[in-house]
């Protein structure tokens, strides 16, 4: 990289990853403190992709960028622990949807509180103007990086 290069330090992907990892750790810690210490990071990465009306395992696998077998294994674990349930797909009677169960909804509620707390901390650190700019920039970047959004 030349001295004139505009890129210095970690690349943008890595700079986005650091705060994501920090928020993820805070959420997982809060869940564990609330008694939901049986959910793993791998399970949570599938769980967080379950849509409000349910999601097929194949779609969860694709979105999490894991094999269908791995997604099925993780969903099986989540289902046994009561975080998700499988229900018939109203569009295709042969298919099943993974839907968040009552225990999972309780986790989502805790996660949302922690996410709000972390965002408030980051906003205090960056200042409202920079936090708003960051949200707008990342929202625009999502347009070209998130095929599911």
N, C-alpha and C. Protein backbone atom coordinates (compact mmCIF):
# COMPACT_ATOMS: atom_id res chain seq x y z
N UNK A 1 0.85 -1.16 0.00
CA UNK A 1 0.00 0.00 0.00
C UNK A 1 0.89 1.23 0.00
N UNK A 2 0.59 2.14 -0.89
CA UNK A 2 1.43 3.34 -0.99
C UNK A 2 1.08 4.33 0.11
N UNK A 3 1.98 5.27 0.31
CA UNK A 3 1.78 6.30 1.33
C UNK A 3 0.59 7.19 0.98
N UNK A 4 0.25 7.30 -0.32
CA UNK A 4 -0.87 8.13 -0.75
C UNK A 4 -2.21 7.43 -0.60
N UNK A 5 -2.20 6.15 -0.29
CA UNK A 5 -3.43 5.37 -0.21
C UNK A 5 -4.37 5.94 0.85
N UNK A 6 -5.68 6.05 0.52
CA UNK A 6 -6.63 6.57 1.50
C UNK A 6 -6.94 5.56 2.61
N UNK A 7 -6.59 4.30 2.40
CA UNK A 7 -6.89 3.27 3.40
C UNK A 7 -5.75 3.19 4.40
N UNK A 8 -6.08 3.40 5.66
CA UNK A 8 -5.09 3.30 6.73
C UNK A 8 -5.70 2.48 7.84
N UNK A 9 -4.93 1.63 8.45
CA UNK A 9 -5.44 0.81 9.54
C UNK A 9 -6.35 -0.29 9.04
N UNK A 10 -7.19 -0.81 9.92
CA UNK A 10 -8.07 -1.92 9.54
C UNK A 10 -9.05 -1.52 8.43
N UNK A 11 -9.41 -2.49 7.61
CA UNK A 11 -10.36 -2.21 6.53
C UNK A 11 -11.76 -1.99 7.11
N UNK A 12 -12.66 -1.47 6.28
CA UNK A 12 -14.00 -1.13 6.75
C UNK A 12 -14.76 -2.34 7.28
N UNK A 13 -14.57 -3.50 6.66
CA UNK A 13 -15.25 -4.71 7.13
C UNK A 13 -14.85 -5.03 8.56
N UNK A 14 -13.56 -4.96 8.82
CA UNK A 14 -13.07 -5.24 10.17
C UNK A 14 -13.55 -4.17 11.15
N UNK A 15 -13.57 -2.92 10.71
CA UNK A 15 -14.05 -1.85 11.58
C UNK A 15 -15.54 -2.02 11.92
N UNK A 16 -16.31 -2.62 11.02
CA UNK A 16 -17.72 -2.91 11.31
C UNK A 16 -17.84 -4.12 12.24
N UNK A 17 -16.91 -5.06 12.09
CA UNK A 17 -16.95 -6.29 12.88
C UNK A 17 -16.69 -6.05 14.36
N UNK A 18 -15.74 -5.18 14.69
CA UNK A 18 -15.39 -4.95 16.10
C UNK A 18 -16.62 -4.54 16.93
N UNK A 19 -17.37 -3.51 16.51
CA UNK A 19 -18.55 -3.14 17.30
C UNK A 19 -19.62 -4.24 17.29
N UNK A 20 -19.77 -4.93 16.16
CA UNK A 20 -20.75 -6.02 16.11
C UNK A 20 -20.40 -7.08 17.16
N UNK A 21 -19.14 -7.45 17.20
CA UNK A 21 -18.69 -8.47 18.15
C UNK A 21 -18.90 -8.00 19.59
N UNK A 22 -18.65 -6.73 19.85
CA UNK A 22 -18.84 -6.19 21.19
C UNK A 22 -20.32 -6.23 21.59
N UNK A 23 -21.21 -5.85 20.66
CA UNK A 23 -22.64 -5.89 20.98
C UNK A 23 -23.10 -7.33 21.17
N UNK A 24 -22.64 -8.21 20.31
CA UNK A 24 -23.00 -9.63 20.41
C UNK A 24 -22.59 -10.19 21.77
N UNK A 25 -21.40 -9.86 22.23
CA UNK A 25 -20.92 -10.34 23.53
C UNK A 25 -21.77 -9.79 24.66
N UNK A 26 -22.14 -8.51 24.58
CA UNK A 26 -22.98 -7.92 25.62
C UNK A 26 -24.34 -8.60 25.68
N UNK A 27 -24.92 -8.88 24.52
CA UNK A 27 -26.22 -9.56 24.48
C UNK A 27 -26.10 -10.96 25.06
N UNK A 28 -25.08 -11.69 24.64
CA UNK A 28 -24.91 -13.06 25.14
C UNK A 28 -24.68 -13.07 26.65
N UNK A 29 -23.91 -12.11 27.15
CA UNK A 29 -23.67 -12.01 28.60
C UNK A 29 -24.98 -11.73 29.35
N UNK A 30 -25.79 -10.83 28.82
CA UNK A 30 -27.06 -10.48 29.46
C UNK A 30 -28.01 -11.67 29.45
N UNK A 31 -28.02 -12.42 28.35
CA UNK A 31 -28.88 -13.61 28.29
C UNK A 31 -28.45 -14.63 29.34
N UNK A 32 -27.15 -14.84 29.44
CA UNK A 32 -26.63 -15.79 30.42
C UNK A 32 -26.99 -15.34 31.84
N UNK A 33 -26.84 -14.05 32.13
CA UNK A 33 -27.18 -13.52 33.46
C UNK A 33 -28.66 -13.68 33.77
N UNK A 34 -29.50 -13.65 32.73
CA UNK A 34 -30.95 -13.78 32.92
C UNK A 34 -31.39 -15.25 32.97
N UNK A 35 -30.42 -16.16 32.92
CA UNK A 35 -30.75 -17.58 33.02
C UNK A 35 -30.85 -18.32 31.70
N UNK A 36 -30.58 -17.61 30.62
CA UNK A 36 -30.61 -18.25 29.30
C UNK A 36 -29.17 -18.57 28.89
N UNK A 37 -28.51 -19.37 29.72
CA UNK A 37 -27.10 -19.68 29.51
C UNK A 37 -26.89 -20.94 28.69
N UNK A 38 -27.97 -21.49 28.14
CA UNK A 38 -27.85 -22.71 27.36
C UNK A 38 -27.87 -22.45 25.85
N UNK A 39 -27.87 -21.19 25.46
CA UNK A 39 -27.83 -20.86 24.03
C UNK A 39 -26.39 -20.50 23.67
N UNK A 40 -25.92 -21.12 22.59
CA UNK A 40 -24.54 -20.89 22.17
C UNK A 40 -24.49 -19.77 21.13
N UNK A 41 -23.29 -19.29 20.89
CA UNK A 41 -23.10 -18.25 19.89
C UNK A 41 -23.53 -18.76 18.51
N UNK A 42 -23.18 -19.99 18.18
CA UNK A 42 -23.57 -20.55 16.88
C UNK A 42 -25.09 -20.63 16.77
N UNK A 43 -25.75 -21.06 17.83
CA UNK A 43 -27.21 -21.12 17.82
C UNK A 43 -27.80 -19.73 17.68
N UNK A 44 -27.22 -18.77 18.38
CA UNK A 44 -27.77 -17.41 18.34
C UNK A 44 -27.67 -16.80 16.95
N UNK A 45 -26.64 -17.17 16.21
CA UNK A 45 -26.46 -16.60 14.87
C UNK A 45 -27.49 -17.15 13.89
N UNK A 46 -28.03 -18.33 14.17
CA UNK A 46 -29.15 -18.85 13.39
C UNK A 46 -30.45 -18.26 13.93
N UNK A 47 -30.59 -18.27 15.24
CA UNK A 47 -31.80 -17.78 15.90
C UNK A 47 -32.14 -16.36 15.48
N UNK A 48 -31.13 -15.48 15.40
CA UNK A 48 -31.40 -14.08 15.10
C UNK A 48 -31.88 -13.87 13.66
N UNK A 49 -31.82 -14.90 12.85
CA UNK A 49 -32.27 -14.78 11.47
C UNK A 49 -33.70 -15.29 11.26
N UNK A 50 -34.32 -15.80 12.32
CA UNK A 50 -35.70 -16.27 12.22
C UNK A 50 -36.61 -15.06 12.07
N UNK A 51 -37.35 -15.02 10.99
CA UNK A 51 -38.23 -13.89 10.71
C UNK A 51 -39.48 -13.90 11.56
N UNK A 52 -40.21 -12.79 11.59
CA UNK A 52 -41.40 -12.66 12.44
C UNK A 52 -42.51 -13.66 12.10
N UNK A 53 -42.57 -14.12 10.86
CA UNK A 53 -43.59 -15.09 10.46
C UNK A 53 -43.01 -16.49 10.29
N UNK A 54 -41.77 -16.67 10.73
CA UNK A 54 -41.11 -17.96 10.58
C UNK A 54 -40.23 -17.98 9.35
N UNK A 55 -39.28 -18.90 9.35
CA UNK A 55 -38.30 -18.99 8.27
C UNK A 55 -37.97 -20.45 8.05
N UNK A 56 -37.82 -20.85 6.81
CA UNK A 56 -37.43 -22.22 6.49
C UNK A 56 -35.96 -22.45 6.86
N UNK A 57 -35.65 -23.68 7.23
CA UNK A 57 -34.27 -24.02 7.61
C UNK A 57 -33.31 -23.73 6.46
N UNK A 58 -33.72 -24.01 5.24
CA UNK A 58 -32.83 -23.75 4.10
C UNK A 58 -32.49 -22.27 3.99
N UNK A 59 -33.46 -21.41 4.29
CA UNK A 59 -33.21 -19.97 4.25
C UNK A 59 -32.31 -19.54 5.40
N UNK A 60 -32.52 -20.13 6.58
CA UNK A 60 -31.65 -19.83 7.71
C UNK A 60 -30.21 -20.21 7.39
N UNK A 61 -30.05 -21.37 6.78
CA UNK A 61 -28.70 -21.84 6.42
C UNK A 61 -28.05 -20.87 5.44
N UNK A 62 -28.81 -20.48 4.43
CA UNK A 62 -28.26 -19.56 3.42
C UNK A 62 -27.88 -18.22 4.05
N UNK A 63 -28.75 -17.67 4.87
CA UNK A 63 -28.49 -16.38 5.48
C UNK A 63 -27.32 -16.43 6.46
N UNK A 64 -27.19 -17.54 7.18
CA UNK A 64 -26.09 -17.68 8.14
C UNK A 64 -24.81 -18.18 7.47
N UNK A 65 -24.93 -18.52 6.19
CA UNK A 65 -23.79 -19.02 5.40
C UNK A 65 -23.20 -20.28 6.02
N UNK A 66 -24.11 -21.21 6.33
CA UNK A 66 -23.73 -22.52 6.85
C UNK A 66 -24.48 -23.58 6.05
N UNK A 67 -24.08 -24.82 6.19
CA UNK A 67 -24.75 -25.88 5.46
C UNK A 67 -26.15 -26.12 6.02
N UNK A 68 -27.01 -26.71 5.20
CA UNK A 68 -28.36 -27.03 5.66
C UNK A 68 -28.29 -28.01 6.82
N UNK A 69 -27.34 -28.93 6.77
CA UNK A 69 -27.19 -29.91 7.85
C UNK A 69 -26.83 -29.21 9.17
N UNK A 70 -25.92 -28.25 9.11
CA UNK A 70 -25.54 -27.52 10.31
C UNK A 70 -26.71 -26.70 10.84
N UNK A 71 -27.44 -26.05 9.95
CA UNK A 71 -28.61 -25.26 10.37
C UNK A 71 -29.65 -26.17 11.01
N UNK A 72 -29.89 -27.32 10.42
CA UNK A 72 -30.86 -28.28 10.98
C UNK A 72 -30.42 -28.71 12.37
N UNK A 73 -29.14 -29.01 12.53
CA UNK A 73 -28.59 -29.42 13.83
C UNK A 73 -28.81 -28.32 14.88
N UNK A 74 -28.50 -27.08 14.50
CA UNK A 74 -28.65 -25.96 15.44
C UNK A 74 -30.12 -25.69 15.76
N UNK A 75 -30.98 -25.76 14.76
CA UNK A 75 -32.41 -25.56 14.99
C UNK A 75 -32.95 -26.68 15.88
N UNK A 76 -32.50 -27.91 15.67
CA UNK A 76 -32.92 -29.02 16.55
C UNK A 76 -32.57 -28.70 17.99
N UNK A 77 -31.37 -28.20 18.23
CA UNK A 77 -30.94 -27.86 19.59
C UNK A 77 -31.81 -26.73 20.15
N UNK A 78 -32.05 -25.71 19.35
CA UNK A 78 -32.87 -24.58 19.79
C UNK A 78 -34.31 -25.03 20.09
N UNK A 79 -34.80 -25.94 19.29
CA UNK A 79 -36.16 -26.44 19.50
C UNK A 79 -36.24 -27.24 20.80
N UNK A 80 -35.27 -28.12 21.04
CA UNK A 80 -35.25 -28.91 22.28
C UNK A 80 -35.18 -28.01 23.51
N UNK A 81 -34.48 -26.88 23.39
CA UNK A 81 -34.34 -25.95 24.52
C UNK A 81 -35.54 -25.01 24.64
N UNK A 82 -36.46 -25.06 23.69
CA UNK A 82 -37.67 -24.25 23.77
C UNK A 82 -37.58 -22.86 23.19
N UNK A 83 -36.51 -22.56 22.45
CA UNK A 83 -36.34 -21.23 21.88
C UNK A 83 -37.11 -21.06 20.56
N UNK A 84 -37.25 -22.13 19.81
CA UNK A 84 -37.98 -22.08 18.54
C UNK A 84 -38.92 -23.28 18.47
N UNK A 85 -39.82 -23.20 17.51
CA UNK A 85 -40.71 -24.32 17.22
C UNK A 85 -40.84 -24.44 15.71
N UNK A 86 -41.15 -25.63 15.27
CA UNK A 86 -41.40 -25.85 13.84
C UNK A 86 -42.91 -25.92 13.64
N UNK A 87 -43.38 -25.19 12.64
CA UNK A 87 -44.81 -25.14 12.34
C UNK A 87 -45.00 -25.35 10.84
N UNK A 88 -46.19 -25.81 10.44
CA UNK A 88 -46.44 -25.97 9.00
C UNK A 88 -46.35 -24.62 8.28
N UNK A 89 -45.81 -24.66 7.08
CA UNK A 89 -45.75 -23.47 6.24
C UNK A 89 -47.12 -23.28 5.60
N UNK A 90 -47.80 -22.15 5.84
CA UNK A 90 -49.14 -21.96 5.28
C UNK A 90 -49.15 -21.88 3.75
N UNK A 91 -47.99 -21.63 3.16
CA UNK A 91 -47.91 -21.52 1.70
C UNK A 91 -47.65 -22.88 1.05
N UNK A 92 -46.95 -23.76 1.75
CA UNK A 92 -46.58 -25.07 1.21
C UNK A 92 -46.73 -26.11 2.32
N UNK A 93 -47.77 -26.92 2.22
CA UNK A 93 -48.09 -27.89 3.27
C UNK A 93 -46.97 -28.91 3.50
N UNK A 94 -46.10 -29.09 2.52
CA UNK A 94 -44.99 -30.06 2.68
C UNK A 94 -43.83 -29.46 3.47
N UNK A 95 -43.79 -28.15 3.57
CA UNK A 95 -42.66 -27.47 4.21
C UNK A 95 -43.00 -27.09 5.65
N UNK A 96 -41.94 -26.85 6.43
CA UNK A 96 -42.08 -26.41 7.81
C UNK A 96 -41.33 -25.09 7.98
N UNK A 97 -41.83 -24.27 8.86
CA UNK A 97 -41.18 -23.02 9.20
C UNK A 97 -40.63 -23.11 10.62
N UNK A 98 -39.52 -22.45 10.84
CA UNK A 98 -38.98 -22.30 12.19
C UNK A 98 -39.51 -20.96 12.69
N UNK A 99 -40.15 -20.99 13.84
CA UNK A 99 -40.73 -19.79 14.41
C UNK A 99 -40.23 -19.64 15.84
N UNK A 100 -40.08 -18.42 16.29
CA UNK A 100 -39.62 -18.17 17.65
C UNK A 100 -40.72 -18.55 18.62
N UNK A 101 -40.36 -19.35 19.62
CA UNK A 101 -41.29 -19.80 20.66
C UNK A 101 -41.27 -18.81 21.82
N UNK A 102 -42.13 -19.05 22.80
CA UNK A 102 -42.26 -18.12 23.95
C UNK A 102 -40.92 -17.89 24.65
N UNK A 103 -40.17 -18.95 24.88
CA UNK A 103 -38.88 -18.79 25.55
C UNK A 103 -37.94 -17.93 24.69
N UNK A 104 -37.99 -18.12 23.39
CA UNK A 104 -37.18 -17.31 22.48
C UNK A 104 -37.60 -15.85 22.47
N UNK A 105 -38.92 -15.60 22.58
CA UNK A 105 -39.41 -14.22 22.63
C UNK A 105 -38.86 -13.51 23.86
N UNK A 106 -38.74 -14.23 24.96
CA UNK A 106 -38.17 -13.63 26.17
C UNK A 106 -36.71 -13.23 25.93
N UNK A 107 -35.98 -14.04 25.19
CA UNK A 107 -34.59 -13.71 24.85
C UNK A 107 -34.53 -12.49 23.94
N UNK A 108 -35.41 -12.44 22.97
CA UNK A 108 -35.44 -11.30 22.05
C UNK A 108 -35.68 -10.01 22.83
N UNK A 109 -36.59 -10.06 23.80
CA UNK A 109 -36.88 -8.86 24.60
C UNK A 109 -35.64 -8.39 25.36
N UNK A 110 -34.90 -9.33 25.94
CA UNK A 110 -33.67 -8.98 26.65
C UNK A 110 -32.65 -8.40 25.67
N UNK A 111 -32.50 -9.04 24.52
CA UNK A 111 -31.54 -8.58 23.51
C UNK A 111 -31.85 -7.16 23.07
N UNK A 112 -33.13 -6.85 22.85
CA UNK A 112 -33.51 -5.50 22.40
C UNK A 112 -33.12 -4.44 23.44
N UNK A 113 -33.31 -4.75 24.72
CA UNK A 113 -32.95 -3.81 25.78
C UNK A 113 -31.44 -3.57 25.75
N UNK A 114 -30.66 -4.63 25.66
CA UNK A 114 -29.20 -4.50 25.65
C UNK A 114 -28.75 -3.74 24.40
N UNK A 115 -29.33 -4.06 23.26
CA UNK A 115 -28.98 -3.36 22.02
C UNK A 115 -29.22 -1.86 22.17
N UNK A 116 -30.34 -1.48 22.78
CA UNK A 116 -30.64 -0.06 23.00
C UNK A 116 -29.63 0.58 23.93
N UNK A 117 -29.27 -0.13 24.99
CA UNK A 117 -28.27 0.39 25.93
C UNK A 117 -26.93 0.61 25.24
N UNK A 118 -26.51 -0.38 24.44
CA UNK A 118 -25.22 -0.27 23.74
C UNK A 118 -25.25 0.88 22.75
N UNK A 119 -26.34 0.99 21.98
CA UNK A 119 -26.44 2.09 21.02
C UNK A 119 -26.41 3.44 21.73
N UNK A 120 -27.03 3.54 22.89
CA UNK A 120 -27.01 4.81 23.65
C UNK A 120 -25.58 5.12 24.09
N UNK A 121 -24.85 4.11 24.54
CA UNK A 121 -23.45 4.32 24.93
C UNK A 121 -22.62 4.78 23.74
N UNK A 122 -22.81 4.13 22.61
CA UNK A 122 -22.06 4.50 21.41
C UNK A 122 -22.42 5.92 20.96
N UNK A 123 -23.69 6.27 21.07
CA UNK A 123 -24.12 7.62 20.69
C UNK A 123 -23.49 8.66 21.61
N UNK A 124 -23.44 8.36 22.90
CA UNK A 124 -22.76 9.29 23.82
C UNK A 124 -21.28 9.42 23.46
N UNK A 125 -20.66 8.31 23.09
CA UNK A 125 -19.23 8.32 22.75
C UNK A 125 -18.97 9.09 21.45
N UNK A 126 -19.78 8.83 20.43
CA UNK A 126 -19.57 9.46 19.12
C UNK A 126 -20.18 10.85 19.02
N UNK A 127 -21.21 11.08 19.79
CA UNK A 127 -22.02 12.28 19.62
C UNK A 127 -23.17 11.95 18.69
N UNK A 128 -24.30 12.62 18.90
CA UNK A 128 -25.51 12.30 18.13
C UNK A 128 -25.30 12.47 16.62
N UNK A 129 -24.64 13.55 16.24
CA UNK A 129 -24.44 13.81 14.81
C UNK A 129 -23.65 12.70 14.15
N UNK A 130 -22.52 12.31 14.74
CA UNK A 130 -21.71 11.25 14.14
C UNK A 130 -22.42 9.90 14.19
N UNK A 131 -23.15 9.65 15.26
CA UNK A 131 -23.90 8.38 15.34
C UNK A 131 -24.97 8.34 14.25
N UNK A 132 -25.65 9.46 14.01
CA UNK A 132 -26.65 9.52 12.94
C UNK A 132 -26.00 9.34 11.57
N UNK A 133 -24.85 9.95 11.37
CA UNK A 133 -24.11 9.78 10.11
C UNK A 133 -23.70 8.32 9.92
N UNK A 134 -23.21 7.72 10.99
CA UNK A 134 -22.80 6.32 10.92
C UNK A 134 -23.98 5.42 10.55
N UNK A 135 -25.12 5.63 11.19
CA UNK A 135 -26.32 4.83 10.88
C UNK A 135 -26.72 5.01 9.42
N UNK A 136 -26.72 6.25 8.94
CA UNK A 136 -27.09 6.48 7.53
C UNK A 136 -26.10 5.81 6.59
N UNK A 137 -24.82 5.94 6.88
CA UNK A 137 -23.80 5.34 6.00
C UNK A 137 -23.90 3.82 6.00
N UNK A 138 -24.07 3.23 7.17
CA UNK A 138 -24.18 1.77 7.23
C UNK A 138 -25.48 1.28 6.60
N UNK A 139 -26.55 2.05 6.74
CA UNK A 139 -27.81 1.68 6.09
C UNK A 139 -27.64 1.70 4.57
N UNK A 140 -26.95 2.70 4.06
CA UNK A 140 -26.68 2.75 2.61
C UNK A 140 -25.78 1.60 2.19
N UNK A 141 -24.78 1.29 2.99
CA UNK A 141 -23.87 0.19 2.67
C UNK A 141 -24.61 -1.14 2.65
N UNK A 142 -25.61 -1.27 3.52
CA UNK A 142 -26.41 -2.50 3.55
C UNK A 142 -27.10 -2.75 2.22
N UNK A 143 -27.44 -1.69 1.50
CA UNK A 143 -28.10 -1.82 0.20
C UNK A 143 -27.29 -2.68 -0.76
N UNK A 144 -25.97 -2.67 -0.62
CA UNK A 144 -25.13 -3.43 -1.56
C UNK A 144 -24.45 -4.63 -0.89
N UNK A 145 -24.72 -4.85 0.40
CA UNK A 145 -24.04 -5.95 1.09
C UNK A 145 -24.97 -6.99 1.69
N UNK A 146 -26.26 -6.68 1.81
CA UNK A 146 -27.20 -7.59 2.46
C UNK A 146 -28.30 -8.01 1.50
N UNK A 147 -28.14 -9.18 0.88
CA UNK A 147 -29.16 -9.62 -0.07
C UNK A 147 -30.48 -9.99 0.59
N UNK A 148 -30.53 -10.07 1.93
CA UNK A 148 -31.73 -10.47 2.64
C UNK A 148 -32.45 -9.30 3.28
N UNK A 149 -31.83 -8.12 3.22
CA UNK A 149 -32.37 -6.96 3.93
C UNK A 149 -33.32 -6.19 3.16
